[in-house]
Amino acid sequence: MSLIQSFKLVLSPPHRAAYPFLGIGLLTGIIGRSTRWRLTRAVGTAGFAFTGFCLYFFRNPKRVSPDTDQLVLASADGRITSISQVVPPSALEMGNEPVWRVSTFLSVLDVHVNRMPVSGTVTKIAYHPGRFLNASLDKASEHNERNELRVTLGDGRQVGVVQIAGFIARRILCDVKEDEYLQAGDRFGLIRFGSRTDVYLPPGITPLVKEGQTMIGGETVLAKL
């Protein structure tokens, strides 16, 4: 990544989910720094620092996705922690046969906006309250708070996408509804403060990525359809 691209990434406009946090941070900073007391001025400084962190964490950069429906793209930025064959979540009704699942862990420093891995119609959304274990653990797929989406392609094949809250994360945002059609690379949600995203590939489709590889949401190719 070039220096210019790095600046564009850091300085990209924030996701709308940041607005309440930015308001709190700015208000705390302005009020705290406008007083003469050392303690309140320190609180004000912390408020401005929190504002800067939120601007960085909620950054929402533009991405250029490949112009084809024959690819499965990364649904999030981060590092692949697991590639394994597992049965898709039962709530998504994608069958009982194991398929490839690619799990991407998002650290607090990664872009947390989630993107659609394929072009298709969201035909199922299932939210599950749960625990907040370390999202990099395999059991987080079953025990953590999560939001599951089933996306049906034009040829009838299905892809599963699961947003999983992590140890620090406490809020999953999903901006799409069932029966809504989206293009690969379109934004569909966000997970606050550290998380994980799983992508379940259609039967017979093999991942083209490896564990430990760094993903760029909406751009990195996970598999070919």
Protein backbone atom coordinates (compact mmCIF):
# COMPACT_ATOMS: atom_id res chain seq x y z
CA MET A 1 0.00 0.00 0.00
CA SER A 2 1.40 3.41 -1.00
CA LEU A 3 1.74 6.33 1.41
CA ILE A 4 -1.12 8.17 -0.34
CA GLN A 5 -3.38 5.12 -0.07
CA SER A 6 -2.53 4.81 3.63
CA PHE A 7 -3.51 8.45 4.25
CA LYS A 8 -6.76 7.98 2.34
CA LEU A 9 -7.58 4.93 4.46
CA VAL A 10 -6.90 6.69 7.77
CA LEU A 11 -8.69 9.89 6.74
CA SER A 12 -11.74 8.27 5.14
CA PRO A 13 -15.14 9.53 6.41
CA PRO A 14 -16.57 7.65 9.41
CA HIS A 15 -19.52 5.27 9.33
CA ARG A 16 -22.76 6.83 10.61
CA ALA A 17 -22.56 4.55 13.66
CA ALA A 18 -19.72 6.78 14.88
CA TYR A 19 -21.82 9.94 15.23
CA PRO A 20 -23.06 9.39 18.82
CA PHE A 21 -19.53 8.55 20.01
CA LEU A 22 -18.03 11.51 18.18
CA GLY A 23 -20.62 13.80 19.75
CA ILE A 24 -19.88 12.53 23.26
CA GLY A 25 -16.12 12.79 22.75
CA LEU A 26 -16.24 16.32 21.32
CA LEU A 27 -18.65 17.58 23.97
CA THR A 28 -16.50 16.11 26.75
CA GLY A 29 -13.38 17.61 25.20
CA ILE A 30 -14.81 21.09 24.72
CA ILE A 31 -16.35 21.32 28.18
CA GLY A 32 -13.35 19.79 29.95
CA ARG A 33 -10.75 21.95 28.24
CA SER A 34 -12.76 25.15 28.79
CA THR A 35 -12.32 25.00 32.59
CA ARG A 36 -9.38 25.93 34.80
CA TRP A 37 -9.33 22.77 36.92
CA ARG A 38 -6.59 20.30 36.18
CA LEU A 39 -8.79 17.22 36.56
CA THR A 40 -11.53 18.42 34.21
CA ARG A 41 -8.96 19.58 31.67
CA ALA A 42 -7.46 16.07 31.76
CA VAL A 43 -10.94 14.65 31.17
CA GLY A 44 -11.32 17.05 28.26
CA THR A 45 -8.04 15.87 26.75
CA ALA A 46 -9.25 12.28 27.10
CA GLY A 47 -12.47 13.29 25.34
CA PHE A 48 -10.56 14.61 22.32
CA ALA A 49 -8.38 11.49 22.30
CA PHE A 50 -11.53 9.33 22.33
CA THR A 51 -12.89 11.35 19.39
CA GLY A 52 -9.72 10.68 17.42
CA PHE A 53 -9.93 6.97 18.19
CA CYS A 54 -13.55 6.83 17.00
CA LEU A 55 -12.67 8.63 13.77
CA TYR A 56 -10.05 5.97 13.14
CA PHE A 57 -12.07 2.95 14.26
CA PHE A 58 -15.26 3.84 12.35
CA ARG A 59 -13.50 4.83 9.12
CA ASN A 60 -15.51 3.78 6.10
CA PRO A 61 -13.24 3.75 3.04
CA LYS A 62 -14.35 3.27 -0.54
CA ARG A 63 -13.43 -0.05 -2.09
CA VAL A 64 -13.22 -1.13 -5.72
CA SER A 65 -14.71 -4.61 -6.17
CA PRO A 66 -14.10 -6.81 -9.24
CA ASP A 67 -16.81 -6.35 -11.87
CA THR A 68 -17.92 -9.98 -12.07
CA ASP A 69 -20.41 -12.30 -10.42
CA GLN A 70 -18.06 -15.27 -10.58
CA LEU A 71 -16.08 -14.47 -7.41
CA VAL A 72 -16.55 -14.65 -3.66
CA LEU A 73 -14.94 -11.63 -1.99
CA ALA A 74 -13.70 -11.02 1.54
CA SER A 75 -16.53 -9.76 3.73
CA ALA A 76 -14.24 -7.89 6.12
CA ASP A 77 -10.75 -6.54 6.67
CA GLY A 78 -8.55 -8.57 8.97
CA ARG A 79 -6.57 -11.79 9.21
CA ILE A 80 -7.80 -15.29 8.35
CA THR A 81 -7.64 -17.38 11.52
CA SER A 82 -9.40 -20.52 10.29
CA ILE A 83 -10.28 -22.33 7.07
CA SER A 84 -12.23 -25.51 7.71
CA GLN A 85 -15.10 -27.68 6.47
CA VAL A 86 -18.11 -27.41 8.77
CA VAL A 87 -21.89 -27.67 8.60
CA PRO A 88 -23.47 -24.23 8.05
CA PRO A 89 -25.52 -22.72 10.91
CA SER A 90 -28.84 -24.53 11.17
CA ALA A 91 -30.81 -21.27 11.26
CA LEU A 92 -29.66 -20.48 7.71
CA GLU A 93 -31.14 -23.73 6.35
CA MET A 94 -28.25 -24.32 3.97
CA GLY A 95 -28.22 -28.11 4.41
CA ASN A 96 -26.39 -30.57 6.63
CA GLU A 97 -23.36 -31.23 4.44
CA PRO A 98 -20.02 -29.66 5.46
CA VAL A 99 -18.84 -26.74 3.32
CA TRP A 100 -15.75 -24.56 3.47
CA ARG A 101 -15.85 -21.78 6.06
CA VAL A 102 -13.36 -18.90 5.99
CA SER A 103 -13.07 -17.03 9.30
CA THR A 104 -11.58 -13.53 9.39
CA PHE A 105 -10.62 -11.93 12.71
CA LEU A 106 -10.86 -8.14 12.93
CA SER A 107 -8.57 -6.47 15.46
CA VAL A 108 -9.51 -3.12 16.94
CA LEU A 109 -7.21 -1.49 14.34
CA ASP A 110 -8.97 -2.96 11.28
CA VAL A 111 -11.79 -1.38 9.28
CA HIS A 112 -14.96 -2.85 10.81
CA VAL A 113 -17.45 -2.19 8.01
CA ASN A 114 -18.75 -5.51 6.61
CA ARG A 115 -19.27 -6.02 2.88
CA MET A 116 -21.22 -8.51 0.80
CA PRO A 117 -19.05 -11.36 -0.49
CA VAL A 118 -21.27 -12.03 -3.52
CA SER A 119 -24.05 -10.45 -5.55
CA GLY A 120 -27.42 -11.86 -4.55
CA THR A 121 -30.59 -11.61 -2.51
CA VAL A 122 -30.56 -11.78 1.28
CA THR A 123 -33.07 -14.59 1.83
CA LYS A 124 -32.52 -15.22 5.55
CA ILE A 125 -31.33 -13.22 8.58
CA ALA A 126 -31.01 -14.85 12.00
CA TYR A 127 -29.78 -13.00 15.09
CA HIS A 128 -28.53 -14.94 18.14
CA PRO A 129 -27.74 -13.33 21.52
CA GLY A 130 -24.79 -14.97 23.23
CA ARG A 131 -21.48 -14.63 25.00
CA PHE A 132 -18.48 -12.45 24.20
CA LEU A 133 -15.57 -14.88 24.01
CA ASN A 134 -12.40 -14.08 22.12
CA ALA A 135 -13.62 -13.97 18.50
CA SER A 136 -10.52 -15.77 17.24
CA LEU A 137 -11.58 -18.95 19.08
CA ASP A 138 -13.35 -21.56 16.97
CA LYS A 139 -16.17 -21.97 19.52
CA ALA A 140 -17.10 -18.31 19.06
CA SER A 141 -19.08 -19.42 15.98
CA GLU A 142 -21.55 -21.22 18.24
CA HIS A 143 -21.42 -19.41 21.59
CA ASN A 144 -20.90 -15.70 20.83
CA GLU A 145 -23.50 -13.10 19.97
CA ARG A 146 -23.84 -13.23 16.19
CA ASN A 147 -25.92 -12.26 13.18
CA GLU A 148 -26.26 -14.77 10.33
CA LEU A 149 -27.20 -13.97 6.73
CA ARG A 150 -27.98 -16.31 3.85
CA VAL A 151 -27.38 -14.83 0.39
CA THR A 152 -28.94 -16.58 -2.62
CA LEU A 153 -27.21 -16.14 -5.96
CA GLY A 154 -28.97 -15.87 -9.29
CA ASP A 155 -28.30 -19.54 -10.05
CA GLY A 156 -29.80 -20.65 -6.73
CA ARG A 157 -26.55 -21.38 -4.90
CA GLN A 158 -26.21 -19.97 -1.41
CA VAL A 159 -23.48 -18.24 0.58
CA GLY A 160 -23.57 -17.72 4.34
CA VAL A 161 -22.16 -14.66 6.11
CA VAL A 162 -21.97 -14.46 9.90
CA GLN A 163 -21.09 -11.38 11.96
CA ILE A 164 -19.67 -12.48 15.32
CA ALA A 165 -19.15 -10.20 18.33
CA GLY A 166 -15.86 -10.57 20.16
CA PHE A 167 -14.36 -10.05 23.60
CA ILE A 168 -14.50 -6.26 23.30
CA ALA A 169 -17.35 -5.98 20.79
CA ARG A 170 -20.79 -5.40 22.25
CA ARG A 171 -22.89 -4.36 19.28
CA ILE A 172 -23.60 -5.86 15.86
CA LEU A 173 -25.15 -3.58 13.26
CA CYS A 174 -26.89 -5.00 10.17
CA ASP A 175 -28.27 -2.50 7.67
CA VAL A 176 -30.03 -4.91 5.29
CA LYS A 177 -33.34 -6.75 5.35
CA GLU A 178 -34.58 -10.03 3.96
CA ASP A 179 -35.46 -9.98 0.23
CA GLU A 180 -33.00 -7.13 -0.36
CA TYR A 181 -30.63 -7.48 -3.34
CA LEU A 182 -27.03 -6.31 -3.03
CA GLN A 183 -23.94 -6.33 -5.20
CA ALA A 184 -20.68 -7.94 -4.15
CA GLY A 185 -18.69 -5.39 -2.17
CA ASP A 186 -21.74 -3.42 -0.97
CA ARG A 187 -21.67 -2.42 2.69
CA PHE A 188 -24.20 -4.27 4.83
CA GLY A 189 -23.20 -3.71 8.47
CA LEU A 190 -20.58 -3.19 11.12
CA ILE A 191 -19.37 -4.73 14.40
CA ARG A 192 -18.09 -2.40 17.08
CA PHE A 193 -14.67 -2.81 18.70
CA GLY A 194 -13.13 -6.13 17.64
CA SER A 195 -14.94 -9.04 16.04
CA ARG A 196 -14.98 -11.82 13.45
CA THR A 197 -16.74 -12.54 10.17
CA ASP A 198 -17.33 -16.05 8.77
CA VAL A 199 -18.11 -16.79 5.12
CA TYR A 200 -19.64 -20.18 4.21
CA LEU A 201 -18.99 -21.13 0.58
CA PRO A 202 -21.39 -23.11 -1.64
CA PRO A 203 -20.84 -26.89 -1.87
CA GLY A 204 -17.98 -27.79 -4.19
CA ILE A 205 -16.32 -24.36 -3.98
CA THR A 206 -12.77 -24.34 -2.59
CA PRO A 207 -11.09 -21.32 -0.93
CA LEU A 208 -8.19 -19.64 -2.72
CA VAL A 209 -6.78 -18.10 0.46
CA LYS A 210 -4.67 -19.38 3.36
CA GLU A 211 -4.70 -19.06 7.13
CA GLY A 212 -2.77 -16.01 8.28
CA GLN A 213 -3.50 -14.09 5.08
CA THR A 214 -4.58 -10.45 5.40
CA MET A 215 -7.96 -9.62 3.89
CA ILE A 216 -9.29 -6.40 2.36
CA GLY A 217 -13.08 -6.36 2.56
CA GLY A 218 -14.79 -6.10 -0.83
CA GLU A 219 -11.55 -6.59 -2.77
CA THR A 220 -9.66 -9.76 -1.77
CA VAL A 221 -10.89 -12.85 -3.66
CA LEU A 222 -11.80 -15.76 -1.37
CA ALA A 223 -12.95 -18.19 -4.06
CA LYS A 224 -14.13 -18.59 -7.65
CA LEU A 225 -17.70 -19.63 -8.39
